[in-house]
Amino acid sequence: MTFYETIMLWFSTIASALYLIAGGWVKIRDYIKAKAQAKSDAIEEEVQTRLKAAQAASVDAPAATATSVAGPVNVSPTV
């Protein structure tokens, strides 16, 4: 590493440290939180879309019902 590269490295290290000390870490934290929230919102929107589609499909096909180990849940008792 040349002397010039060493000076640039020290300068960038000191400048980064001063930026973080001066409150830059708050901006970085807020940026990361905003990105995470946007991704979370996008995932939640996709989940809601799939849930609505699944609910619509279950309304359209009433024969698809839940079952238990004893058989279909919606069977009327035979007397």
PDB file of N, CA and C in Angstrom:
ATOM      1  N   MET A   1       0.856  -1.164   0.000  1.00  0.00           N
ATOM      2  CA  MET A   1       0.000   0.000   0.000  1.00  0.00           C
ATOM      3  C   MET A   1       0.903   1.227   0.000  1.00  0.00           C
ATOM      4  N   THR A   2       0.604   2.148  -0.898  1.00  0.00           N
ATOM      5  CA  THR A   2       1.434   3.338  -1.004  1.00  0.00           C
ATOM      6  C   THR A   2       1.058   4.321   0.093  1.00  0.00           C
ATOM      7  N   PHE A   3       1.879   5.350   0.247  1.00  0.00           N
ATOM      8  CA  PHE A   3       1.635   6.380   1.258  1.00  0.00           C
ATOM      9  C   PHE A   3       0.320   7.094   0.978  1.00  0.00           C
ATOM     10  N   TYR A   4       0.056   7.362  -0.292  1.00  0.00           N
ATOM     11  CA  TYR A   4      -1.177   8.046  -0.680  1.00  0.00           C
ATOM     12  C   TYR A   4      -2.408   7.209  -0.299  1.00  0.00           C
ATOM     13  N   GLU A   5      -2.356   5.893  -0.553  1.00  0.00           N
ATOM     14  CA  GLU A   5      -3.471   5.022  -0.200  1.00  0.00           C
ATOM     15  C   GLU A   5      -3.657   4.940   1.311  1.00  0.00           C
ATOM     16  N   THR A   6      -2.558   4.971   2.046  1.00  0.00           N
ATOM     17  CA  THR A   6      -2.634   4.939   3.507  1.00  0.00           C
ATOM     18  C   THR A   6      -3.303   6.204   4.036  1.00  0.00           C
ATOM     19  N   ILE A   7      -2.953   7.344   3.475  1.00  0.00           N
ATOM     20  CA  ILE A   7      -3.567   8.613   3.898  1.00  0.00           C
ATOM     21  C   ILE A   7      -5.059   8.594   3.574  1.00  0.00           C
ATOM     22  N   MET A   8      -5.424   8.108   2.392  1.00  0.00           N
ATOM     23  CA  MET A   8      -6.848   8.025   2.029  1.00  0.00           C
ATOM     24  C   MET A   8      -7.604   7.094   2.966  1.00  0.00           C
ATOM     25  N   LEU A   9      -6.989   5.977   3.327  1.00  0.00           N
ATOM     26  CA  LEU A   9      -7.624   5.028   4.237  1.00  0.00           C
ATOM     27  C   LEU A   9      -7.864   5.662   5.604  1.00  0.00           C
ATOM     28  N   TRP A  10      -6.840   6.338   6.149  1.00  0.00           N
ATOM     29  CA  TRP A  10      -6.987   6.992   7.448  1.00  0.00           C
ATOM     30  C   TRP A  10      -8.029   8.099   7.404  1.00  0.00           C
ATOM     31  N   PHE A  11      -8.025   8.864   6.337  1.00  0.00           N
ATOM     32  CA  PHE A  11      -8.995   9.948   6.204  1.00  0.00           C
ATOM     33  C   PHE A  11     -10.424   9.405   6.171  1.00  0.00           C
ATOM     34  N   SER A  12     -10.648   8.371   5.371  1.00  0.00           N
ATOM     35  CA  SER A  12     -12.004   7.820   5.268  1.00  0.00           C
ATOM     36  C   SER A  12     -12.431   7.170   6.578  1.00  0.00           C
ATOM     37  N   THR A  13     -11.507   6.565   7.291  1.00  0.00           N
ATOM     38  CA  THR A  13     -11.825   5.966   8.583  1.00  0.00           C
ATOM     39  C   THR A  13     -12.214   7.030   9.591  1.00  0.00           C
ATOM     40  N   ILE A  14     -11.437   8.082   9.666  1.00  0.00           N
ATOM     41  CA  ILE A  14     -11.719   9.168  10.610  1.00  0.00           C
ATOM     42  C   ILE A  14     -13.011   9.882  10.231  1.00  0.00           C
ATOM     43  N   ALA A  15     -13.208  10.131   8.942  1.00  0.00           N
ATOM     44  CA  ALA A  15     -14.430  10.802   8.505  1.00  0.00           C
ATOM     45  C   ALA A  15     -15.655   9.946   8.819  1.00  0.00           C
ATOM     46  N   SER A  16     -15.575   8.652   8.604  1.00  0.00           N
ATOM     47  CA  SER A  16     -16.695   7.758   8.916  1.00  0.00           C
ATOM     48  C   SER A  16     -16.979   7.733  10.410  1.00  0.00           C
ATOM     49  N   ALA A  17     -15.926   7.678  11.210  1.00  0.00           N
ATOM     50  CA  ALA A  17     -16.104   7.671  12.666  1.00  0.00           C
ATOM     51  C   ALA A  17     -16.745   8.974  13.139  1.00  0.00           C
ATOM     52  N   LEU A  18     -16.297  10.097  12.628  1.00  0.00           N
ATOM     53  CA  LEU A  18     -16.892  11.377  13.019  1.00  0.00           C
ATOM     54  C   LEU A  18     -18.347  11.479  12.574  1.00  0.00           C
ATOM     55  N   TYR A  19     -18.652  10.968  11.398  1.00  0.00           N
ATOM     56  CA  TYR A  19     -20.029  10.974  10.915  1.00  0.00           C
ATOM     57  C   TYR A  19     -20.931  10.161  11.836  1.00  0.00           C
ATOM     58  N   LEU A  20     -20.456   8.984  12.232  1.00  0.00           N
ATOM     59  CA  LEU A  20     -21.252   8.146  13.124  1.00  0.00           C
ATOM     60  C   LEU A  20     -21.400   8.770  14.501  1.00  0.00           C
ATOM     61  N   ILE A  21     -20.349   9.384  15.001  1.00  0.00           N
ATOM     62  CA  ILE A  21     -20.411  10.044  16.309  1.00  0.00           C
ATOM     63  C   ILE A  21     -21.371  11.221  16.269  1.00  0.00           C
ATOM     64  N   ALA A  22     -21.409  11.932  15.159  1.00  0.00           N
ATOM     65  CA  ALA A  22     -22.253  13.117  15.025  1.00  0.00           C
ATOM     66  C   ALA A  22     -23.730  12.781  14.820  1.00  0.00           C
ATOM     67  N   GLY A  23     -24.092  11.515  14.824  1.00  0.00           N
ATOM     68  CA  GLY A  23     -25.492  11.142  14.693  1.00  0.00           C
ATOM     69  C   GLY A  23     -25.829  10.491  13.375  1.00  0.00           C
ATOM     70  N   GLY A  24     -24.868  10.222  12.587  1.00  0.00           N
ATOM     71  CA  GLY A  24     -25.117   9.573  11.303  1.00  0.00           C
ATOM     72  C   GLY A  24     -25.672   8.170  11.461  1.00  0.00           C
ATOM     73  N   TRP A  25     -25.370   7.531  12.585  1.00  0.00           N
ATOM     74  CA  TRP A  25     -25.877   6.189  12.807  1.00  0.00           C
ATOM     75  C   TRP A  25     -27.397   6.196  12.887  1.00  0.00           C
ATOM     76  N   VAL A  26     -27.995   7.308  13.317  1.00  0.00           N
ATOM     77  CA  VAL A  26     -29.452   7.410  13.379  1.00  0.00           C
ATOM     78  C   VAL A  26     -30.030   7.382  11.968  1.00  0.00           C
ATOM     79  N   LYS A  27     -29.404   8.113  11.050  1.00  0.00           N
ATOM     80  CA  LYS A  27     -29.873   8.109   9.664  1.00  0.00           C
ATOM     81  C   LYS A  27     -29.724   6.728   9.038  1.00  0.00           C
ATOM     82  N   ILE A  28     -28.630   6.074   9.325  1.00  0.00           N
ATOM     83  CA  ILE A  28     -28.415   4.732   8.800  1.00  0.00           C
ATOM     84  C   ILE A  28     -29.455   3.773   9.367  1.00  0.00           C
ATOM     85  N   ARG A  29     -29.702   3.859  10.680  1.00  0.00           N
ATOM     86  CA  ARG A  29     -30.696   3.005  11.332  1.00  0.00           C
ATOM     87  C   ARG A  29     -32.087   3.264  10.748  1.00  0.00           C
ATOM     88  N   ASP A  30     -32.439   4.533  10.563  1.00  0.00           N
ATOM     89  CA  ASP A  30     -33.744   4.869  10.001  1.00  0.00           C
ATOM     90  C   ASP A  30     -33.890   4.366   8.575  1.00  0.00           C
ATOM     91  N   TYR A  31     -32.814   4.445   7.800  1.00  0.00           N
ATOM     92  CA  TYR A  31     -32.833   3.943   6.429  1.00  0.00           C
ATOM     93  C   TYR A  31     -33.086   2.433   6.416  1.00  0.00           C
ATOM     94  N   ILE A  32     -32.394   1.715   7.286  1.00  0.00           N
ATOM     95  CA  ILE A  32     -32.554   0.265   7.355  1.00  0.00           C
ATOM     96  C   ILE A  32     -33.963  -0.087   7.825  1.00  0.00           C
ATOM     97  N   LYS A  33     -34.481   0.643   8.807  1.00  0.00           N
ATOM     98  CA  LYS A  33     -35.851   0.399   9.278  1.00  0.00           C
ATOM     99  C   LYS A  33     -36.865   0.657   8.175  1.00  0.00           C
ATOM    100  N   ALA A  34     -36.669   1.723   7.412  1.00  0.00           N
ATOM    101  CA  ALA A  34     -37.597   2.047   6.323  1.00  0.00           C
ATOM    102  C   ALA A  34     -37.585   0.952   5.265  1.00  0.00           C
ATOM    103  N   LYS A  35     -36.406   0.460   4.927  1.00  0.00           N
ATOM    104  CA  LYS A  35     -36.305  -0.614   3.943  1.00  0.00           C
ATOM    105  C   LYS A  35     -36.986  -1.881   4.459  1.00  0.00           C
ATOM    106  N   ALA A  36     -36.773  -2.215   5.732  1.00  0.00           N
ATOM    107  CA  ALA A  36     -37.382  -3.401   6.313  1.00  0.00           C
ATOM    108  C   ALA A  36     -38.901  -3.258   6.358  1.00  0.00           C
ATOM    109  N   GLN A  37     -39.393  -2.082   6.691  1.00  0.00           N
ATOM    110  CA  GLN A  37     -40.839  -1.855   6.745  1.00  0.00           C
ATOM    111  C   GLN A  37     -41.457  -1.958   5.355  1.00  0.00           C
ATOM    112  N   ALA A  38     -40.769  -1.417   4.355  1.00  0.00           N
ATOM    113  CA  ALA A  38     -41.285  -1.505   2.985  1.00  0.00           C
ATOM    114  C   ALA A  38     -41.356  -2.961   2.531  1.00  0.00           C
ATOM    115  N   LYS A  39     -40.340  -3.739   2.865  1.00  0.00           N
ATOM    116  CA  LYS A  39     -40.344  -5.149   2.492  1.00  0.00           C
ATOM    117  C   LYS A  39     -41.444  -5.896   3.241  1.00  0.00           C
ATOM    118  N   SER A  40     -41.620  -5.568   4.507  1.00  0.00           N
ATOM    119  CA  SER A  40     -42.673  -6.188   5.309  1.00  0.00           C
ATOM    120  C   SER A  40     -44.051  -5.860   4.749  1.00  0.00           C
ATOM    121  N   ASP A  41     -44.261  -4.615   4.353  1.00  0.00           N
ATOM    122  CA  ASP A  41     -45.539  -4.209   3.763  1.00  0.00           C
ATOM    123  C   ASP A  41     -45.807  -4.958   2.456  1.00  0.00           C
ATOM    124  N   ALA A  42     -44.777  -5.114   1.649  1.00  0.00           N
ATOM    125  CA  ALA A  42     -44.930  -5.825   0.380  1.00  0.00           C
ATOM    126  C   ALA A  42     -45.281  -7.294   0.628  1.00  0.00           C
ATOM    127  N   ILE A  43     -44.636  -7.911   1.603  1.00  0.00           N
ATOM    128  CA  ILE A  43     -44.920  -9.308   1.927  1.00  0.00           C
ATOM    129  C   ILE A  43     -46.343  -9.439   2.463  1.00  0.00           C
ATOM    130  N   GLU A  44     -46.750  -8.530   3.340  1.00  0.00           N
ATOM    131  CA  GLU A  44     -48.099  -8.566   3.897  1.00  0.00           C
ATOM    132  C   GLU A  44     -49.154  -8.397   2.806  1.00  0.00           C
ATOM    133  N   GLU A  45     -48.892  -7.519   1.846  1.00  0.00           N
ATOM    134  CA  GLU A  45     -49.824  -7.334   0.728  1.00  0.00           C
ATOM    135  C   GLU A  45     -49.959  -8.619  -0.082  1.00  0.00           C
ATOM    136  N   GLU A  46     -48.843  -9.294  -0.318  1.00  0.00           N
ATOM    137  CA  GLU A  46     -48.861 -10.557  -1.060  1.00  0.00           C
ATOM    138  C   GLU A  46     -49.616 -11.626  -0.277  1.00  0.00           C
ATOM    139  N   VAL A  47     -49.410 -11.680   1.027  1.00  0.00           N
ATOM    140  CA  VAL A  47     -50.117 -12.654   1.867  1.00  0.00           C
ATOM    141  C   VAL A  47     -51.622 -12.404   1.805  1.00  0.00           C
ATOM    142  N   GLN A  48     -52.023 -11.144   1.921  1.00  0.00           N
ATOM    143  CA  GLN A  48     -53.448 -10.816   1.882  1.00  0.00           C
ATOM    144  C   GLN A  48     -54.063 -11.166   0.528  1.00  0.00           C
ATOM    145  N   THR A  49     -53.320 -10.935  -0.546  1.00  0.00           N
ATOM    146  CA  THR A  49     -53.801 -11.284  -1.888  1.00  0.00           C
ATOM    147  C   THR A  49     -54.008 -12.789  -2.007  1.00  0.00           C
ATOM    148  N   ARG A  50     -53.042 -13.556  -1.534  1.00  0.00           N
ATOM    149  CA  ARG A  50     -53.161 -15.019  -1.599  1.00  0.00           C
ATOM    150  C   ARG A  50     -54.284 -15.521  -0.696  1.00  0.00           C
ATOM    151  N   LEU A  51     -54.447 -14.910   0.467  1.00  0.00           N
ATOM    152  CA  LEU A  51     -55.503 -15.304   1.392  1.00  0.00           C
ATOM    153  C   LEU A  51     -56.881 -15.052   0.778  1.00  0.00           C
ATOM    154  N   LYS A  52     -57.060 -13.893   0.145  1.00  0.00           N
ATOM    155  CA  LYS A  52     -58.333 -13.594  -0.509  1.00  0.00           C
ATOM    156  C   LYS A  52     -58.610 -14.584  -1.633  1.00  0.00           C
ATOM    157  N   ALA A  53     -57.587 -14.942  -2.384  1.00  0.00           N
ATOM    158  CA  ALA A  53     -57.758 -15.908  -3.467  1.00  0.00           C
ATOM    159  C   ALA A  53     -58.133 -17.278  -2.906  1.00  0.00           C
ATOM    160  N   ALA A  54     -57.500 -17.667  -1.828  1.00  0.00           N
ATOM    161  CA  ALA A  54     -57.811 -18.963  -1.210  1.00  0.00           C
ATOM    162  C   ALA A  54     -59.226 -18.965  -0.643  1.00  0.00           C
ATOM    163  N   GLN A  55     -59.641 -17.863  -0.043  1.00  0.00           N
ATOM    164  CA  GLN A  55     -60.995 -17.782   0.482  1.00  0.00           C
ATOM    165  C   GLN A  55     -62.024 -17.813  -0.641  1.00  0.00           C
ATOM    166  N   ALA A  56     -61.741 -17.130  -1.729  1.00  0.00           N
ATOM    167  CA  ALA A  56     -62.651 -17.144  -2.867  1.00  0.00           C
ATOM    168  C   ALA A  56     -62.751 -18.552  -3.459  1.00  0.00           C
ATOM    169  N   ALA A  57     -61.652 -19.243  -3.515  1.00  0.00           N
ATOM    170  CA  ALA A  57     -61.656 -20.606  -4.050  1.00  0.00           C
ATOM    171  C   ALA A  57     -62.429 -21.542  -3.129  1.00  0.00           C
ATOM    172  N   SER A  58     -62.359 -21.341  -1.826  1.00  0.00           N
ATOM    173  CA  SER A  58     -63.079 -22.216  -0.912  1.00  0.00           C
ATOM    174  C   SER A  58     -64.574 -21.946  -0.957  1.00  0.00           C
ATOM    175  N   VAL A  59     -64.977 -20.717  -1.245  1.00  0.00           N
ATOM    176  CA  VAL A  59     -66.394 -20.398  -1.389  1.00  0.00           C
ATOM    177  C   VAL A  59     -66.932 -21.014  -2.674  1.00  0.00           C
ATOM    178  N   ASP A  60     -66.120 -21.006  -3.725  1.00  0.00           N
ATOM    179  CA  ASP A  60     -66.536 -21.555  -5.011  1.00  0.00           C
ATOM    180  C   ASP A  60     -66.625 -23.079  -4.983  1.00  0.00           C
ATOM    181  N   ALA A  61     -65.858 -23.717  -4.124  1.00  0.00           N
ATOM    182  CA  ALA A  61     -65.828 -25.179  -4.071  1.00  0.00           C
ATOM    183  C   ALA A  61     -66.168 -25.641  -2.654  1.00  0.00           C
ATOM    184  N   PRO A  62     -67.451 -25.691  -2.296  1.00  0.00           N
ATOM    185  CA  PRO A  62     -67.814 -26.076  -0.935  1.00  0.00           C
ATOM    186  C   PRO A  62     -67.510 -27.533  -0.625  1.00  0.00           C
ATOM    187  N   ALA A  63     -67.262 -28.364  -1.629  1.00  0.00           N
ATOM    188  CA  ALA A  63     -66.938 -29.764  -1.371  1.00  0.00           C
ATOM    189  C   ALA A  63     -65.574 -29.903  -0.712  1.00  0.00           C
ATOM    190  N   ALA A  64     -64.736 -28.907  -0.854  1.00  0.00           N
ATOM    191  CA  ALA A  64     -63.409 -28.960  -0.245  1.00  0.00           C
ATOM    192  C   ALA A  64     -63.540 -28.504   1.208  1.00  0.00           C
ATOM    193  N   THR A  65     -63.754 -29.453   2.092  1.00  0.00           N
ATOM    194  CA  THR A  65     -63.928 -29.126   3.502  1.00  0.00           C
ATOM    195  C   THR A  65     -62.820 -29.745   4.319  1.00  0.00           C
ATOM    196  N   ALA A  66     -62.730 -29.320   5.541  1.00  0.00           N
ATOM    197  CA  ALA A  66     -61.717 -29.861   6.437  1.00  0.00           C
ATOM    198  C   ALA A  66     -62.082 -31.292   6.815  1.00  0.00           C
ATOM    199  N   THR A  67     -61.082 -32.093   7.061  1.00  0.00           N
ATOM    200  CA  THR A  67     -61.315 -33.472   7.493  1.00  0.00           C
ATOM    201  C   THR A  67     -60.560 -33.730   8.775  1.00  0.00           C
ATOM    202  N   SER A  68     -61.008 -34.723   9.475  1.00  0.00           N
ATOM    203  CA  SER A  68     -60.293 -35.149  10.677  1.00  0.00           C
ATOM    204  C   SER A  68     -59.899 -36.597  10.477  1.00  0.00           C
ATOM    205  N   VAL A  69     -59.290 -37.188  11.479  1.00  0.00           N
ATOM    206  CA  VAL A  69     -58.878 -38.580  11.345  1.00  0.00           C
ATOM    207  C   VAL A  69     -60.082 -39.512  11.343  1.00  0.00           C
ATOM    208  N   ALA A  70     -61.234 -39.032  11.836  1.00  0.00           N
ATOM    209  CA  ALA A  70     -62.428 -39.860  11.864  1.00  0.00           C
ATOM    210  C   ALA A  70     -63.240 -39.729  10.591  1.00  0.00           C
ATOM    211  N   GLY A  71     -62.874 -38.840   9.698  1.00  0.00           N
ATOM    212  CA  GLY A  71     -63.621 -38.666   8.469  1.00  0.00           C
ATOM    213  C   GLY A  71     -63.934 -37.212   8.233  1.00  0.00           C
ATOM    214  N   PRO A  72     -64.792 -36.920   7.265  1.00  0.00           N
ATOM    215  CA  PRO A  72     -65.131 -35.522   6.968  1.00  0.00           C
ATOM    216  C   PRO A  72     -65.800 -34.840   8.162  1.00  0.00           C
ATOM    217  N   VAL A  73     -65.538 -33.591   8.318  1.00  0.00           N
ATOM    218  CA  VAL A  73     -66.052 -32.827   9.439  1.00  0.00           C
ATOM    219  C   VAL A  73     -67.511 -32.456   9.219  1.00  0.00           C
ATOM    220  N   ASN A  74     -67.933 -32.224   7.980  1.00  0.00           N
ATOM    221  CA  ASN A  74     -69.264 -31.705   7.702  1.00  0.00           C
ATOM    222  C   ASN A  74     -70.302 -32.779   7.415  1.00  0.00           C
ATOM    223  N   VAL A  75     -70.084 -33.977   7.822  1.00  0.00           N
ATOM    224  CA  VAL A  75     -71.029 -35.061   7.579  1.00  0.00           C
ATOM    225  C   VAL A  75     -72.154 -34.968   8.609  1.00  0.00           C
ATOM    226  N   SER A  76     -73.376 -35.019   8.124  1.00  0.00           N
ATOM    227  CA  SER A  76     -74.501 -34.979   9.064  1.00  0.00           C
ATOM    228  C   SER A  76     -74.645 -36.355   9.720  1.00  0.00           C
ATOM    229  N   PRO A  77     -75.029 -36.372  10.983  1.00  0.00           N
ATOM    230  CA  PRO A  77     -75.128 -37.669  11.674  1.00  0.00           C
ATOM    231  C   PRO A  77     -76.272 -38.502  11.116  1.00  0.00           C
ATOM    232  N   THR A  78     -76.054 -39.789  10.993  1.00  0.00           N
ATOM    233  CA  THR A  78     -77.104 -40.691  10.514  1.00  0.00           C
ATOM    234  C   THR A  78     -77.801 -41.281  11.717  1.00  0.00           C
ATOM    235  N   VAL A  79     -79.078 -41.140  11.708  1.00  0.00           N
ATOM    236  CA  VAL A  79     -79.857 -41.643  12.850  1.00  0.00           C
ATOM    237  C   VAL A  79     -80.654 -42.830  12.454  1.00  0.00           C
TER     238      VAL A  79
END
